[in-house]
Amino acid sequence: MRAVTKPLDEQARSIFDELGYDVRTRGTELLAERKWRVVHVTTIGDDDETPKSGDYRCFVAWNEDVDAVERQLRREDPDYEWAVLGVDEGGDYEVTRAPEAA
């Protein structure tokens, strides 16, 4: 069992705040905006559905769920640029980008 200090959505907000984004809530996701780019930030587990549209999306998951989220995104092959951000209980994170088109 994971010893969580902050819920995943709060972790996501903190990370994007630290990266210099203006973060606001829109429905069940966050919008992180900096300069000309708006990133839709969605916290997701291995059983959640991925959104069907958008331009830039970042999916935030606990580290142990990242592989399942990536598999789901590759299988669904959404029509937007995506990244997955894996977070551990201490708040450290690692970003995985979408595979390059062949």
PDB file of N, CA and C in Angstrom:
ATOM      1  N   MET A   1       0.841  -1.166   0.000  1.00  0.00           N
ATOM      2  CA  MET A   1       0.000   0.000   0.000  1.00  0.00           C
ATOM      3  C   MET A   1       0.889   1.233   0.000  1.00  0.00           C
ATOM      4  N   ARG A   2       0.479   2.253  -0.762  1.00  0.00           N
ATOM      5  CA  ARG A   2       1.275   3.459  -0.915  1.00  0.00           C
ATOM      6  C   ARG A   2       0.926   4.451   0.196  1.00  0.00           C
ATOM      7  N   ALA A   3       1.957   5.083   0.747  1.00  0.00           N
ATOM      8  CA  ALA A   3       1.757   6.117   1.761  1.00  0.00           C
ATOM      9  C   ALA A   3       1.673   7.457   1.033  1.00  0.00           C
ATOM     10  N   VAL A   4       0.468   7.903   0.786  1.00  0.00           N
ATOM     11  CA  VAL A   4       0.253   9.089  -0.032  1.00  0.00           C
ATOM     12  C   VAL A   4       0.196  10.331   0.847  1.00  0.00           C
ATOM     13  N   THR A   5       1.011  11.309   0.489  1.00  0.00           N
ATOM     14  CA  THR A   5       0.971  12.571   1.219  1.00  0.00           C
ATOM     15  C   THR A   5      -0.027  13.531   0.582  1.00  0.00           C
ATOM     16  N   LYS A   6      -0.196  13.465  -0.739  1.00  0.00           N
ATOM     17  CA  LYS A   6      -1.144  14.326  -1.461  1.00  0.00           C
ATOM     18  C   LYS A   6      -1.866  13.492  -2.494  1.00  0.00           C
ATOM     19  N   PRO A   7      -3.146  13.778  -2.751  1.00  0.00           N
ATOM     20  CA  PRO A   7      -3.845  13.091  -3.851  1.00  0.00           C
ATOM     21  C   PRO A   7      -3.165  13.400  -5.181  1.00  0.00           C
ATOM     22  N   LEU A   8      -3.375  12.548  -6.156  1.00  0.00           N
ATOM     23  CA  LEU A   8      -2.721  12.667  -7.452  1.00  0.00           C
ATOM     24  C   LEU A   8      -3.038  13.987  -8.150  1.00  0.00           C
ATOM     25  N   ASP A   9      -4.271  14.462  -8.063  1.00  0.00           N
ATOM     26  CA  ASP A   9      -4.602  15.731  -8.716  1.00  0.00           C
ATOM     27  C   ASP A   9      -3.864  16.910  -8.081  1.00  0.00           C
ATOM     28  N   GLU A  10      -3.643  16.859  -6.775  1.00  0.00           N
ATOM     29  CA  GLU A  10      -2.866  17.908  -6.111  1.00  0.00           C
ATOM     30  C   GLU A  10      -1.396  17.814  -6.499  1.00  0.00           C
ATOM     31  N   GLN A  11      -0.888  16.586  -6.645  1.00  0.00           N
ATOM     32  CA  GLN A  11       0.493  16.398  -7.113  1.00  0.00           C
ATOM     33  C   GLN A  11       0.644  17.015  -8.503  1.00  0.00           C
ATOM     34  N   ALA A  12      -0.310  16.735  -9.396  1.00  0.00           N
ATOM     35  CA  ALA A  12      -0.252  17.258 -10.762  1.00  0.00           C
ATOM     36  C   ALA A  12      -0.255  18.785 -10.752  1.00  0.00           C
ATOM     37  N   ARG A  13      -1.141  19.376  -9.974  1.00  0.00           N
ATOM     38  CA  ARG A  13      -1.212  20.838  -9.888  1.00  0.00           C
ATOM     39  C   ARG A  13       0.122  21.409  -9.392  1.00  0.00           C
ATOM     40  N   SER A  14       0.690  20.821  -8.359  1.00  0.00           N
ATOM     41  CA  SER A  14       1.962  21.299  -7.809  1.00  0.00           C
ATOM     42  C   SER A  14       3.089  21.220  -8.843  1.00  0.00           C
ATOM     43  N   ILE A  15       3.149  20.121  -9.567  1.00  0.00           N
ATOM     44  CA  ILE A  15       4.198  19.940 -10.570  1.00  0.00           C
ATOM     45  C   ILE A  15       4.095  21.007 -11.653  1.00  0.00           C
ATOM     46  N   PHE A  16       2.904  21.204 -12.200  1.00  0.00           N
ATOM     47  CA  PHE A  16       2.746  22.203 -13.262  1.00  0.00           C
ATOM     48  C   PHE A  16       2.939  23.625 -12.741  1.00  0.00           C
ATOM     49  N   ASP A  17       2.544  23.894 -11.494  1.00  0.00           N
ATOM     50  CA  ASP A  17       2.835  25.198 -10.880  1.00  0.00           C
ATOM     51  C   ASP A  17       4.344  25.433 -10.828  1.00  0.00           C
ATOM     52  N   GLU A  18       5.086  24.427 -10.364  1.00  0.00           N
ATOM     53  CA  GLU A  18       6.543  24.538 -10.263  1.00  0.00           C
ATOM     54  C   GLU A  18       7.203  24.717 -11.629  1.00  0.00           C
ATOM     55  N   LEU A  19       6.578  24.184 -12.675  1.00  0.00           N
ATOM     56  CA  LEU A  19       7.118  24.330 -14.033  1.00  0.00           C
ATOM     57  C   LEU A  19       6.766  25.690 -14.656  1.00  0.00           C
ATOM     58  N   GLY A  20       6.047  26.520 -13.923  1.00  0.00           N
ATOM     59  CA  GLY A  20       5.748  27.861 -14.397  1.00  0.00           C
ATOM     60  C   GLY A  20       4.451  28.000 -15.176  1.00  0.00           C
ATOM     61  N   TYR A  21       3.598  27.009 -15.106  1.00  0.00           N
ATOM     62  CA  TYR A  21       2.310  27.077 -15.795  1.00  0.00           C
ATOM     63  C   TYR A  21       1.275  27.758 -14.905  1.00  0.00           C
ATOM     64  N   ASP A  22       0.344  28.453 -15.518  1.00  0.00           N
ATOM     65  CA  ASP A  22      -0.832  28.969 -14.833  1.00  0.00           C
ATOM     66  C   ASP A  22      -1.842  27.820 -14.864  1.00  0.00           C
ATOM     67  N   VAL A  23      -2.223  27.312 -13.705  1.00  0.00           N
ATOM     68  CA  VAL A  23      -3.067  26.114 -13.638  1.00  0.00           C
ATOM     69  C   VAL A  23      -4.436  26.472 -13.085  1.00  0.00           C
ATOM     70  N   ARG A  24      -5.470  25.996 -13.799  1.00  0.00           N
ATOM     71  CA  ARG A  24      -6.838  26.172 -13.317  1.00  0.00           C
ATOM     72  C   ARG A  24      -7.617  24.872 -13.540  1.00  0.00           C
ATOM     73  N   THR A  25      -8.686  24.733 -12.805  1.00  0.00           N
ATOM     74  CA  THR A  25      -9.526  23.543 -12.908  1.00  0.00           C
ATOM     75  C   THR A  25     -10.605  23.770 -13.944  1.00  0.00           C
ATOM     76  N   ARG A  26     -10.832  22.736 -14.767  1.00  0.00           N
ATOM     77  CA  ARG A  26     -11.953  22.760 -15.714  1.00  0.00           C
ATOM     78  C   ARG A  26     -12.597  21.383 -15.684  1.00  0.00           C
ATOM     79  N   GLY A  27     -13.727  21.289 -15.053  1.00  0.00           N
ATOM     80  CA  GLY A  27     -14.406  19.997 -14.919  1.00  0.00           C
ATOM     81  C   GLY A  27     -13.558  19.044 -14.087  1.00  0.00           C
ATOM     82  N   THR A  28     -13.264  17.883 -14.669  1.00  0.00           N
ATOM     83  CA  THR A  28     -12.492  16.869 -13.952  1.00  0.00           C
ATOM     84  C   THR A  28     -11.000  16.914 -14.282  1.00  0.00           C
ATOM     85  N   GLU A  29     -10.591  17.919 -15.067  1.00  0.00           N
ATOM     86  CA  GLU A  29      -9.172  18.005 -15.421  1.00  0.00           C
ATOM     87  C   GLU A  29      -8.636  19.390 -15.118  1.00  0.00           C
ATOM     88  N   LEU A  30      -7.333  19.519 -15.269  1.00  0.00           N
ATOM     89  CA  LEU A  30      -6.667  20.799 -15.096  1.00  0.00           C
ATOM     90  C   LEU A  30      -6.271  21.346 -16.454  1.00  0.00           C
ATOM     91  N   LEU A  31      -6.258  22.654 -16.580  1.00  0.00           N
ATOM     92  CA  LEU A  31      -5.695  23.308 -17.755  1.00  0.00           C
ATOM     93  C   LEU A  31      -4.440  24.019 -17.286  1.00  0.00           C
ATOM     94  N   ALA A  32      -3.311  23.667 -17.885  1.00  0.00           N
ATOM     95  CA  ALA A  32      -2.035  24.286 -17.554  1.00  0.00           C
ATOM     96  C   ALA A  32      -1.623  25.139 -18.751  1.00  0.00           C
ATOM     97  N   GLU A  33      -1.468  26.436 -18.524  1.00  0.00           N
ATOM     98  CA  GLU A  33      -1.218  27.354 -19.635  1.00  0.00           C
ATOM     99  C   GLU A  33       0.083  28.120 -19.394  1.00  0.00           C
ATOM    100  N   ARG A  34       0.890  28.176 -20.456  1.00  0.00           N
ATOM    101  CA  ARG A  34       2.121  28.969 -20.418  1.00  0.00           C
ATOM    102  C   ARG A  34       2.425  29.424 -21.832  1.00  0.00           C
ATOM    103  N   LYS A  35       2.626  30.717 -21.973  1.00  0.00           N
ATOM    104  CA  LYS A  35       2.847  31.324 -23.287  1.00  0.00           C
ATOM    105  C   LYS A  35       1.687  30.951 -24.198  1.00  0.00           C
ATOM    106  N   TRP A  36       1.941  30.328 -25.296  1.00  0.00           N
ATOM    107  CA  TRP A  36       0.906  29.991 -26.281  1.00  0.00           C
ATOM    108  C   TRP A  36       0.321  28.598 -26.088  1.00  0.00           C
ATOM    109  N   ARG A  37       0.877  27.807 -25.198  1.00  0.00           N
ATOM    110  CA  ARG A  37       0.477  26.401 -25.075  1.00  0.00           C
ATOM    111  C   ARG A  37      -0.482  26.179 -23.911  1.00  0.00           C
ATOM    112  N   VAL A  38      -1.548  25.449 -24.198  1.00  0.00           N
ATOM    113  CA  VAL A  38      -2.482  25.011 -23.162  1.00  0.00           C
ATOM    114  C   VAL A  38      -2.442  23.490 -23.150  1.00  0.00           C
ATOM    115  N   VAL A  39      -2.106  22.939 -21.993  1.00  0.00           N
ATOM    116  CA  VAL A  39      -2.026  21.491 -21.822  1.00  0.00           C
ATOM    117  C   VAL A  39      -3.198  21.047 -20.953  1.00  0.00           C
ATOM    118  N   HIS A  40      -3.955  20.069 -21.458  1.00  0.00           N
ATOM    119  CA  HIS A  40      -5.030  19.456 -20.676  1.00  0.00           C
ATOM    120  C   HIS A  40      -4.384  18.387 -19.809  1.00  0.00           C
ATOM    121  N   VAL A  41      -4.490  18.541 -18.498  1.00  0.00           N
ATOM    122  CA  VAL A  41      -3.861  17.623 -17.551  1.00  0.00           C
ATOM    123  C   VAL A  41      -4.946  16.761 -16.923  1.00  0.00           C
ATOM    124  N   THR A  42      -4.815  15.446 -17.126  1.00  0.00           N
ATOM    125  CA  THR A  42      -5.816  14.498 -16.643  1.00  0.00           C
ATOM    126  C   THR A  42      -5.146  13.480 -15.742  1.00  0.00           C
ATOM    127  N   THR A  43      -5.637  13.338 -14.520  1.00  0.00           N
ATOM    128  CA  THR A  43      -5.150  12.263 -13.665  1.00  0.00           C
ATOM    129  C   THR A  43      -5.891  11.001 -14.085  1.00  0.00           C
ATOM    130  N   ILE A  44      -5.139   9.904 -14.147  1.00  0.00           N
ATOM    131  CA  ILE A  44      -5.722   8.688 -14.728  1.00  0.00           C
ATOM    132  C   ILE A  44      -5.137   7.454 -14.059  1.00  0.00           C
ATOM    133  N   GLY A  45      -5.964   6.436 -13.941  1.00  0.00           N
ATOM    134  CA  GLY A  45      -5.536   5.119 -13.482  1.00  0.00           C
ATOM    135  C   GLY A  45      -5.626   4.156 -14.647  1.00  0.00           C
ATOM    136  N   ASP A  46      -5.268   2.908 -14.421  1.00  0.00           N
ATOM    137  CA  ASP A  46      -5.237   1.947 -15.531  1.00  0.00           C
ATOM    138  C   ASP A  46      -6.623   1.533 -16.013  1.00  0.00           C
ATOM    139  N   ASP A  47      -7.693   1.948 -15.317  1.00  0.00           N
ATOM    140  CA  ASP A  47      -9.035   1.578 -15.764  1.00  0.00           C
ATOM    141  C   ASP A  47      -9.869   2.776 -16.214  1.00  0.00           C
ATOM    142  N   ASP A  48      -9.287   3.964 -16.248  1.00  0.00           N
ATOM    143  CA  ASP A  48     -10.005   5.157 -16.683  1.00  0.00           C
ATOM    144  C   ASP A  48      -9.983   5.270 -18.198  1.00  0.00           C
ATOM    145  N   GLU A  49     -11.010   5.890 -18.748  1.00  0.00           N
ATOM    146  CA  GLU A  49     -11.057   6.132 -20.192  1.00  0.00           C
ATOM    147  C   GLU A  49     -10.249   7.376 -20.512  1.00  0.00           C
ATOM    148  N   THR A  50      -9.602   7.374 -21.671  1.00  0.00           N
ATOM    149  CA  THR A  50      -8.859   8.546 -22.100  1.00  0.00           C
ATOM    150  C   THR A  50      -9.767   9.453 -22.926  1.00  0.00           C
ATOM    151  N   PRO A  51      -9.558  10.762 -22.835  1.00  0.00           N
ATOM    152  CA  PRO A  51     -10.369  11.700 -23.635  1.00  0.00           C
ATOM    153  C   PRO A  51     -10.172  11.453 -25.123  1.00  0.00           C
ATOM    154  N   LYS A  52     -11.185  11.786 -25.893  1.00  0.00           N
ATOM    155  CA  LYS A  52     -11.152  11.530 -27.337  1.00  0.00           C
ATOM    156  C   LYS A  52     -10.601  12.690 -28.146  1.00  0.00           C
ATOM    157  N   SER A  53     -10.479  13.890 -27.552  1.00  0.00           N
ATOM    158  CA  SER A  53     -10.013  15.033 -28.331  1.00  0.00           C
ATOM    159  C   SER A  53      -9.095  15.921 -27.505  1.00  0.00           C
ATOM    160  N   GLY A  54      -8.482  16.871 -28.192  1.00  0.00           N
ATOM    161  CA  GLY A  54      -7.576  17.823 -27.567  1.00  0.00           C
ATOM    162  C   GLY A  54      -6.367  18.026 -28.451  1.00  0.00           C
ATOM    163  N   ASP A  55      -5.526  18.977 -28.110  1.00  0.00           N
ATOM    164  CA  ASP A  55      -4.285  19.191 -28.851  1.00  0.00           C
ATOM    165  C   ASP A  55      -3.106  18.631 -28.071  1.00  0.00           C
ATOM    166  N   TYR A  56      -2.926  19.133 -26.855  1.00  0.00           N
ATOM    167  CA  TYR A  56      -1.841  18.678 -25.992  1.00  0.00           C
ATOM    168  C   TYR A  56      -2.449  18.128 -24.712  1.00  0.00           C
ATOM    169  N   ARG A  57      -2.082  16.896 -24.377  1.00  0.00           N
ATOM    170  CA  ARG A  57      -2.610  16.265 -23.174  1.00  0.00           C
ATOM    171  C   ARG A  57      -1.477  15.637 -22.380  1.00  0.00           C
ATOM    172  N   CYS A  58      -1.563  15.804 -21.080  1.00  0.00           N
ATOM    173  CA  CYS A  58      -0.632  15.135 -20.179  1.00  0.00           C
ATOM    174  C   CYS A  58      -1.468  14.314 -19.209  1.00  0.00           C
ATOM    175  N   PHE A  59      -1.177  13.030 -19.171  1.00  0.00           N
ATOM    176  CA  PHE A  59      -1.856  12.122 -18.251  1.00  0.00           C
ATOM    177  C   PHE A  59      -0.944  11.899 -17.059  1.00  0.00           C
ATOM    178  N   VAL A  60      -1.463  12.127 -15.867  1.00  0.00           N
ATOM    179  CA  VAL A  60      -0.692  11.983 -14.642  1.00  0.00           C
ATOM    180  C   VAL A  60      -1.176  10.733 -13.932  1.00  0.00           C
ATOM    181  N   ALA A  61      -0.233   9.835 -13.635  1.00  0.00           N
ATOM    182  CA  ALA A  61      -0.567   8.559 -12.996  1.00  0.00           C
ATOM    183  C   ALA A  61       0.502   8.237 -11.955  1.00  0.00           C
ATOM    184  N   TRP A  62       0.156   7.372 -11.016  1.00  0.00           N
ATOM    185  CA  TRP A  62       1.168   6.872 -10.088  1.00  0.00           C
ATOM    186  C   TRP A  62       2.166   6.032 -10.887  1.00  0.00           C
ATOM    187  N   ASN A  63       3.413   6.017 -10.478  1.00  0.00           N
ATOM    188  CA  ASN A  63       4.471   5.303 -11.202  1.00  0.00           C
ATOM    189  C   ASN A  63       4.082   3.882 -11.581  1.00  0.00           C
ATOM    190  N   GLU A  64       3.445   3.164 -10.677  1.00  0.00           N
ATOM    191  CA  GLU A  64       3.122   1.761 -10.957  1.00  0.00           C
ATOM    192  C   GLU A  64       2.030   1.597 -12.013  1.00  0.00           C
ATOM    193  N   ASP A  65       1.311   2.676 -12.354  1.00  0.00           N
ATOM    194  CA  ASP A  65       0.253   2.615 -13.361  1.00  0.00           C
ATOM    195  C   ASP A  65       0.689   3.111 -14.735  1.00  0.00           C
ATOM    196  N   VAL A  66       1.889   3.688 -14.833  1.00  0.00           N
ATOM    197  CA  VAL A  66       2.341   4.324 -16.071  1.00  0.00           C
ATOM    198  C   VAL A  66       2.351   3.363 -17.256  1.00  0.00           C
ATOM    199  N   ASP A  67       2.883   2.166 -17.103  1.00  0.00           N
ATOM    200  CA  ASP A  67       2.947   1.216 -18.224  1.00  0.00           C
ATOM    201  C   ASP A  67       1.554   0.896 -18.767  1.00  0.00           C
ATOM    202  N   ALA A  68       0.584   0.693 -17.876  1.00  0.00           N
ATOM    203  CA  ALA A  68      -0.780   0.386 -18.316  1.00  0.00           C
ATOM    204  C   ALA A  68      -1.396   1.580 -19.044  1.00  0.00           C
ATOM    205  N   VAL A  69      -1.145   2.779 -18.567  1.00  0.00           N
ATOM    206  CA  VAL A  69      -1.681   3.975 -19.217  1.00  0.00           C
ATOM    207  C   VAL A  69      -1.072   4.129 -20.605  1.00  0.00           C
ATOM    208  N   GLU A  70       0.238   3.938 -20.712  1.00  0.00           N
ATOM    209  CA  GLU A  70       0.901   4.036 -22.022  1.00  0.00           C
ATOM    210  C   GLU A  70       0.369   2.992 -22.999  1.00  0.00           C
ATOM    211  N   ARG A  71       0.184   1.763 -22.531  1.00  0.00           N
ATOM    212  CA  ARG A  71      -0.375   0.717 -23.403  1.00  0.00           C
ATOM    213  C   ARG A  71      -1.762   1.108 -23.901  1.00  0.00           C
ATOM    214  N   GLN A  72      -2.566   1.634 -23.004  1.00  0.00           N
ATOM    215  CA  GLN A  72      -3.919   2.049 -23.369  1.00  0.00           C
ATOM    216  C   GLN A  72      -3.862   3.157 -24.424  1.00  0.00           C
ATOM    217  N   LEU A  73      -2.991   4.139 -24.247  1.00  0.00           N
ATOM    218  CA  LEU A  73      -2.882   5.240 -25.209  1.00  0.00           C
ATOM    219  C   LEU A  73      -2.379   4.752 -26.563  1.00  0.00           C
ATOM    220  N   ARG A  74      -1.404   3.865 -26.566  1.00  0.00           N
ATOM    221  CA  ARG A  74      -0.906   3.329 -27.835  1.00  0.00           C
ATOM    222  C   ARG A  74      -1.999   2.527 -28.558  1.00  0.00           C
ATOM    223  N   ARG A  75      -2.759   1.771 -27.786  1.00  0.00           N
ATOM    224  CA  ARG A  75      -3.839   0.959 -28.359  1.00  0.00           C
ATOM    225  C   ARG A  75      -4.936   1.854 -28.950  1.00  0.00           C
ATOM    226  N   GLU A  76      -5.305   2.896 -28.228  1.00  0.00           N
ATOM    227  CA  GLU A  76      -6.365   3.800 -28.682  1.00  0.00           C
ATOM    228  C   GLU A  76      -5.877   4.763 -29.765  1.00  0.00           C
ATOM    229  N   ASP A  77      -4.573   5.034 -29.810  1.00  0.00           N
ATOM    230  CA  ASP A  77      -3.963   5.917 -30.812  1.00  0.00           C
ATOM    231  C   ASP A  77      -4.748   7.217 -30.987  1.00  0.00           C
ATOM    232  N   PRO A  78      -4.835   8.027 -29.918  1.00  0.00           N
ATOM    233  CA  PRO A  78      -5.629   9.256 -30.001  1.00  0.00           C
ATOM    234  C   PRO A  78      -5.027  10.256 -30.990  1.00  0.00           C
ATOM    235  N   ASP A  79      -5.876  11.157 -31.447  1.00  0.00           N
ATOM    236  CA  ASP A  79      -5.476  12.146 -32.438  1.00  0.00           C
ATOM    237  C   ASP A  79      -5.008  13.436 -31.760  1.00  0.00           C
ATOM    238  N   TYR A  80      -4.111  13.318 -30.801  1.00  0.00           N
ATOM    239  CA  TYR A  80      -3.521  14.482 -30.138  1.00  0.00           C
ATOM    240  C   TYR A  80      -2.142  14.089 -29.618  1.00  0.00           C
ATOM    241  N   GLU A  81      -1.330  15.115 -29.352  1.00  0.00           N
ATOM    242  CA  GLU A  81      -0.009  14.884 -28.787  1.00  0.00           C
ATOM    243  C   GLU A  81      -0.185  14.621 -27.294  1.00  0.00           C
ATOM    244  N   TRP A  82       0.479  13.568 -26.791  1.00  0.00           N
ATOM    245  CA  TRP A  82       0.302  13.218 -25.387  1.00  0.00           C
ATOM    246  C   TRP A  82       1.629  12.890 -24.722  1.00  0.00           C
ATOM    247  N   ALA A  83       1.587  12.977 -23.403  1.00  0.00           N
ATOM    248  CA  ALA A  83       2.703  12.567 -22.548  1.00  0.00           C
ATOM    249  C   ALA A  83       2.094  11.970 -21.291  1.00  0.00           C
ATOM    250  N   VAL A  84       2.867  11.116 -20.635  1.00  0.00           N
ATOM    251  CA  VAL A  84       2.447  10.546 -19.363  1.00  0.00           C
ATOM    252  C   VAL A  84       3.468  10.962 -18.321  1.00  0.00           C
ATOM    253  N   LEU A  85       2.985  11.424 -17.197  1.00  0.00           N
ATOM    254  CA  LEU A  85       3.828  11.854 -16.101  1.00  0.00           C
ATOM    255  C   LEU A  85       3.599  10.868 -14.957  1.00  0.00           C
ATOM    256  N   GLY A  86       4.630  10.120 -14.608  1.00  0.00           N
ATOM    257  CA  GLY A  86       4.545   9.162 -13.509  1.00  0.00           C
ATOM    258  C   GLY A  86       5.028   9.797 -12.219  1.00  0.00           C
ATOM    259  N   VAL A  87       4.213   9.719 -11.162  1.00  0.00           N
ATOM    260  CA  VAL A  87       4.502  10.375  -9.887  1.00  0.00           C
ATOM    261  C   VAL A  87       4.673   9.324  -8.801  1.00  0.00           C
ATOM    262  N   ASP A  88       5.653   9.541  -7.920  1.00  0.00           N
ATOM    263  CA  ASP A  88       5.769   8.661  -6.756  1.00  0.00           C
ATOM    264  C   ASP A  88       5.197   9.372  -5.534  1.00  0.00           C
ATOM    265  N   GLU A  89       5.058   8.647  -4.426  1.00  0.00           N
ATOM    266  CA  GLU A  89       4.398   9.202  -3.246  1.00  0.00           C
ATOM    267  C   GLU A  89       5.138  10.389  -2.640  1.00  0.00           C
ATOM    268  N   GLY A  90       6.428  10.542  -2.961  1.00  0.00           N
ATOM    269  CA  GLY A  90       7.186  11.679  -2.461  1.00  0.00           C
ATOM    270  C   GLY A  90       7.050  12.924  -3.317  1.00  0.00           C
ATOM    271  N   GLY A  91       6.352  12.810  -4.445  1.00  0.00           N
ATOM    272  CA  GLY A  91       6.167  13.951  -5.320  1.00  0.00           C
ATOM    273  C   GLY A  91       7.159  14.026  -6.461  1.00  0.00           C
ATOM    274  N   ASP A  92       8.141  13.122  -6.492  1.00  0.00           N
ATOM    275  CA  ASP A  92       9.066  13.079  -7.623  1.00  0.00           C
ATOM    276  C   ASP A  92       8.323  12.530  -8.827  1.00  0.00           C
ATOM    277  N   TYR A  93       8.767  12.940 -10.023  1.00  0.00           N
ATOM    278  CA  TYR A  93       8.051  12.508 -11.221  1.00  0.00           C
ATOM    279  C   TYR A  93       9.008  12.292 -12.374  1.00  0.00           C
ATOM    280  N   GLU A  94       8.506  11.551 -13.362  1.00  0.00           N
ATOM    281  CA  GLU A  94       9.236  11.288 -14.594  1.00  0.00           C
ATOM    282  C   GLU A  94       8.247  11.404 -15.742  1.00  0.00           C
ATOM    283  N   VAL A  95       8.676  12.056 -16.827  1.00  0.00           N
ATOM    284  CA  VAL A  95       7.812  12.272 -17.987  1.00  0.00           C
ATOM    285  C   VAL A  95       8.157  11.278 -19.078  1.00  0.00           C
ATOM    286  N   THR A  96       7.123  10.666 -19.651  1.00  0.00           N
ATOM    287  CA  THR A  96       7.277   9.785 -20.806  1.00  0.00           C
ATOM    288  C   THR A  96       6.534  10.427 -21.962  1.00  0.00           C
ATOM    289  N   ARG A  97       7.179  10.589 -23.053  1.00  0.00           N
ATOM    290  CA  ARG A  97       6.549  11.212 -24.226  1.00  0.00           C
ATOM    291  C   ARG A  97       5.956  10.149 -25.143  1.00  0.00           C
ATOM    292  N   ALA A  98       5.044  10.603 -25.990  1.00  0.00           N
ATOM    293  CA  ALA A  98       4.449   9.711 -26.992  1.00  0.00           C
ATOM    294  C   ALA A  98       5.529   9.241 -27.952  1.00  0.00           C
ATOM    295  N   PRO A  99       5.415   8.011 -28.449  1.00  0.00           N
ATOM    296  CA  PRO A  99       6.395   7.520 -29.430  1.00  0.00           C
ATOM    297  C   PRO A  99       6.321   8.347 -30.708  1.00  0.00           C
ATOM    298  N   GLU A 100       7.469   8.514 -31.361  1.00  0.00           N
ATOM    299  CA  GLU A 100       7.523   9.247 -32.626  1.00  0.00           C
ATOM    300  C   GLU A 100       6.793   8.468 -33.698  1.00  0.00           C
ATOM    301  N   ALA A 101       6.136   9.180 -34.594  1.00  0.00           N
ATOM    302  CA  ALA A 101       5.440   8.536 -35.721  1.00  0.00           C
ATOM    303  C   ALA A 101       6.468   7.919 -36.663  1.00  0.00           C
ATOM    304  N   ALA A 102       6.158   6.754 -37.181  1.00  0.00           N
ATOM    305  CA  ALA A 102       7.084   6.062 -38.067  1.00  0.00           C
ATOM    306  C   ALA A 102       6.977   6.558 -39.490  1.00  0.00           C
TER     307      ALA A 102
END
